Amino acid sequence: MSTPQPIPPHTTWLQRFKRLAQLTASLHPEDPRFPIVMRLLEKCDGYYRTDNHASFIETGKRIRSLMDTPPIG
């Protein structure tokens, strides 16, 4: 039996960004959540660039929470 190979780091990041894209696919500029989500996505990009997995994941959870909440207005 072969030992499972670890997932390459770039694959992990790709999966995370894909999930964020799926979460925010319905977001449009008129949505009141738009500016907040865009700022959080910018933070995620920074966390990616500094290889900060924990902060990326926490920020992704905030984005998911926002997207799970219906927009007001």
N, C-alpha and C. Protein backbone atom coordinates (compact mmCIF):
# COMPACT_ATOMS: atom_id res chain seq x y z
N MET A 1 0.84 -1.17 0.00
CA MET A 1 0.00 0.00 0.00
C MET A 1 0.89 1.25 0.00
N SER A 2 0.57 2.19 -0.86
CA SER A 2 1.40 3.39 -0.92
C SER A 2 0.91 4.43 0.09
N THR A 3 1.84 5.24 0.53
CA THR A 3 1.54 6.31 1.46
C THR A 3 0.93 7.48 0.70
N PRO A 4 -0.18 8.04 1.19
CA PRO A 4 -0.77 9.19 0.49
C PRO A 4 0.22 10.35 0.45
N GLN A 5 0.26 11.00 -0.70
CA GLN A 5 1.15 12.14 -0.87
C GLN A 5 0.49 13.40 -0.33
N PRO A 6 1.27 14.29 0.29
CA PRO A 6 0.68 15.54 0.78
C PRO A 6 0.19 16.39 -0.39
N ILE A 7 -0.84 17.17 -0.11
CA ILE A 7 -1.37 18.06 -1.14
C ILE A 7 -0.39 19.22 -1.33
N PRO A 8 0.03 19.50 -2.56
CA PRO A 8 0.94 20.61 -2.79
C PRO A 8 0.33 21.92 -2.32
N PRO A 9 1.13 22.83 -1.75
CA PRO A 9 0.60 24.10 -1.22
C PRO A 9 -0.20 24.89 -2.25
N HIS A 10 0.23 24.92 -3.51
CA HIS A 10 -0.50 25.71 -4.51
C HIS A 10 -1.90 25.15 -4.73
N THR A 11 -2.06 23.84 -4.58
CA THR A 11 -3.38 23.22 -4.73
C THR A 11 -4.29 23.64 -3.59
N THR A 12 -3.76 23.70 -2.39
CA THR A 12 -4.53 24.13 -1.22
C THR A 12 -5.04 25.55 -1.42
N TRP A 13 -4.14 26.44 -1.84
CA TRP A 13 -4.53 27.84 -2.06
C TRP A 13 -5.56 27.94 -3.19
N LEU A 14 -5.37 27.18 -4.24
CA LEU A 14 -6.31 27.20 -5.37
C LEU A 14 -7.70 26.77 -4.91
N GLN A 15 -7.78 25.75 -4.09
CA GLN A 15 -9.06 25.28 -3.57
C GLN A 15 -9.72 26.36 -2.72
N ARG A 16 -8.94 27.05 -1.92
CA ARG A 16 -9.50 28.11 -1.07
C ARG A 16 -10.03 29.27 -1.90
N PHE A 17 -9.27 29.70 -2.89
CA PHE A 17 -9.73 30.80 -3.75
C PHE A 17 -10.95 30.38 -4.56
N LYS A 18 -10.99 29.14 -4.98
CA LYS A 18 -12.15 28.64 -5.73
C LYS A 18 -13.39 28.69 -4.84
N ARG A 19 -13.26 28.32 -3.59
CA ARG A 19 -14.38 28.36 -2.65
C ARG A 19 -14.86 29.80 -2.47
N LEU A 20 -13.94 30.74 -2.32
CA LEU A 20 -14.32 32.15 -2.19
C LEU A 20 -15.06 32.63 -3.45
N ALA A 21 -14.58 32.21 -4.60
CA ALA A 21 -15.24 32.59 -5.85
C ALA A 21 -16.67 32.04 -5.90
N GLN A 22 -16.84 30.82 -5.45
CA GLN A 22 -18.17 30.22 -5.42
C GLN A 22 -19.08 30.96 -4.44
N LEU A 23 -18.53 31.31 -3.29
CA LEU A 23 -19.32 32.01 -2.27
C LEU A 23 -19.79 33.38 -2.75
N THR A 24 -18.96 34.06 -3.52
CA THR A 24 -19.23 35.45 -3.89
C THR A 24 -19.74 35.61 -5.32
N ALA A 25 -20.02 34.52 -5.99
CA ALA A 25 -20.43 34.58 -7.40
C ALA A 25 -21.68 35.41 -7.62
N SER A 26 -22.58 35.44 -6.66
CA SER A 26 -23.83 36.18 -6.82
C SER A 26 -23.72 37.63 -6.36
N LEU A 27 -22.59 38.03 -5.85
CA LEU A 27 -22.40 39.39 -5.34
C LEU A 27 -22.28 40.38 -6.49
N HIS A 28 -22.93 41.51 -6.38
CA HIS A 28 -22.87 42.54 -7.40
C HIS A 28 -22.64 43.90 -6.73
N PRO A 29 -22.15 44.89 -7.46
CA PRO A 29 -21.78 46.18 -6.86
C PRO A 29 -22.92 46.89 -6.13
N GLU A 30 -24.17 46.62 -6.47
CA GLU A 30 -25.29 47.28 -5.81
C GLU A 30 -25.62 46.64 -4.46
N ASP A 31 -25.08 45.47 -4.21
CA ASP A 31 -25.33 44.75 -2.96
C ASP A 31 -24.64 45.51 -1.81
N PRO A 32 -25.35 45.78 -0.71
CA PRO A 32 -24.74 46.51 0.40
C PRO A 32 -23.55 45.79 1.04
N ARG A 33 -23.42 44.50 0.82
CA ARG A 33 -22.28 43.74 1.37
C ARG A 33 -21.04 43.87 0.50
N PHE A 34 -21.22 44.38 -0.72
CA PHE A 34 -20.13 44.40 -1.70
C PHE A 34 -18.84 45.05 -1.19
N PRO A 35 -18.88 46.28 -0.64
CA PRO A 35 -17.62 46.90 -0.22
C PRO A 35 -16.92 46.14 0.90
N ILE A 36 -17.71 45.59 1.81
CA ILE A 36 -17.11 44.84 2.93
C ILE A 36 -16.46 43.57 2.41
N VAL A 37 -17.18 42.84 1.56
CA VAL A 37 -16.64 41.59 1.02
C VAL A 37 -15.39 41.87 0.19
N MET A 38 -15.40 42.94 -0.58
CA MET A 38 -14.21 43.26 -1.39
C MET A 38 -13.00 43.56 -0.51
N ARG A 39 -13.21 44.26 0.59
CA ARG A 39 -12.10 44.52 1.52
C ARG A 39 -11.59 43.21 2.12
N LEU A 40 -12.50 42.33 2.46
CA LEU A 40 -12.09 41.04 3.02
C LEU A 40 -11.36 40.19 1.98
N LEU A 41 -11.79 40.24 0.73
CA LEU A 41 -11.07 39.52 -0.33
C LEU A 41 -9.67 40.08 -0.52
N GLU A 42 -9.52 41.39 -0.40
CA GLU A 42 -8.18 42.00 -0.48
C GLU A 42 -7.31 41.50 0.66
N LYS A 43 -7.90 41.37 1.84
CA LYS A 43 -7.14 40.82 2.98
C LYS A 43 -6.71 39.39 2.68
N CYS A 44 -7.64 38.60 2.11
CA CYS A 44 -7.30 37.22 1.77
C CYS A 44 -6.12 37.17 0.81
N ASP A 45 -6.11 38.07 -0.14
CA ASP A 45 -5.00 38.13 -1.09
C ASP A 45 -3.69 38.41 -0.36
N GLY A 46 -3.72 39.32 0.59
CA GLY A 46 -2.52 39.61 1.38
C GLY A 46 -2.08 38.42 2.20
N TYR A 47 -3.04 37.71 2.77
CA TYR A 47 -2.69 36.53 3.56
C TYR A 47 -2.09 35.44 2.68
N TYR A 48 -2.60 35.33 1.47
CA TYR A 48 -2.02 34.38 0.52
C TYR A 48 -0.57 34.75 0.22
N ARG A 49 -0.33 36.03 -0.03
CA ARG A 49 1.02 36.49 -0.39
C ARG A 49 2.02 36.29 0.74
N THR A 50 1.53 36.30 1.98
CA THR A 50 2.43 36.09 3.13
C THR A 50 2.34 34.68 3.69
N ASP A 51 1.61 33.80 2.97
CA ASP A 51 1.46 32.39 3.35
C ASP A 51 0.85 32.24 4.74
N ASN A 52 -0.13 33.11 5.06
CA ASN A 52 -0.78 33.11 6.37
C ASN A 52 -2.10 32.34 6.26
N HIS A 53 -2.00 31.04 6.43
CA HIS A 53 -3.16 30.17 6.26
C HIS A 53 -4.26 30.47 7.28
N ALA A 54 -3.90 30.61 8.54
CA ALA A 54 -4.90 30.79 9.60
C ALA A 54 -5.73 32.05 9.38
N SER A 55 -5.09 33.16 9.05
CA SER A 55 -5.83 34.41 8.84
C SER A 55 -6.69 34.34 7.59
N PHE A 56 -6.19 33.68 6.55
CA PHE A 56 -6.98 33.50 5.33
C PHE A 56 -8.26 32.73 5.65
N ILE A 57 -8.12 31.65 6.39
CA ILE A 57 -9.27 30.82 6.73
C ILE A 57 -10.28 31.60 7.58
N GLU A 58 -9.81 32.33 8.57
CA GLU A 58 -10.71 33.12 9.41
C GLU A 58 -11.43 34.19 8.60
N THR A 59 -10.73 34.84 7.71
CA THR A 59 -11.35 35.87 6.86
C THR A 59 -12.34 35.22 5.90
N GLY A 60 -12.01 34.05 5.39
CA GLY A 60 -12.94 33.31 4.53
C GLY A 60 -14.22 32.96 5.26
N LYS A 61 -14.11 32.63 6.54
CA LYS A 61 -15.29 32.35 7.34
C LYS A 61 -16.16 33.60 7.50
N ARG A 62 -15.52 34.75 7.64
CA ARG A 62 -16.28 36.00 7.73
C ARG A 62 -17.02 36.27 6.42
N ILE A 63 -16.35 36.01 5.30
CA ILE A 63 -16.99 36.19 4.00
C ILE A 63 -18.18 35.25 3.87
N ARG A 64 -17.99 33.99 4.25
CA ARG A 64 -19.08 33.03 4.17
C ARG A 64 -20.26 33.49 5.02
N SER A 65 -19.99 33.97 6.21
CA SER A 65 -21.04 34.45 7.10
C SER A 65 -21.81 35.62 6.47
N LEU A 66 -21.08 36.55 5.89
CA LEU A 66 -21.73 37.68 5.22
C LEU A 66 -22.59 37.21 4.05
N MET A 67 -22.07 36.28 3.27
CA MET A 67 -22.80 35.82 2.09
C MET A 67 -24.00 34.95 2.48
N ASP A 68 -23.96 34.33 3.65
CA ASP A 68 -25.09 33.54 4.14
C ASP A 68 -26.20 34.42 4.71
N THR A 69 -25.89 35.69 4.96
CA THR A 69 -26.87 36.64 5.49
C THR A 69 -27.51 37.40 4.34
N PRO A 70 -28.82 37.38 4.24
CA PRO A 70 -29.46 38.11 3.15
C PRO A 70 -29.14 39.61 3.23
N PRO A 71 -28.95 40.26 2.09
CA PRO A 71 -28.66 41.69 2.11
C PRO A 71 -29.86 42.49 2.63
N ILE A 72 -29.55 43.57 3.31
CA ILE A 72 -30.59 44.46 3.83
C ILE A 72 -30.75 45.62 2.86
N GLY A 73 -31.95 45.92 2.54
CA GLY A 73 -32.18 47.09 1.69
C GLY A 73 -32.71 46.80 0.35
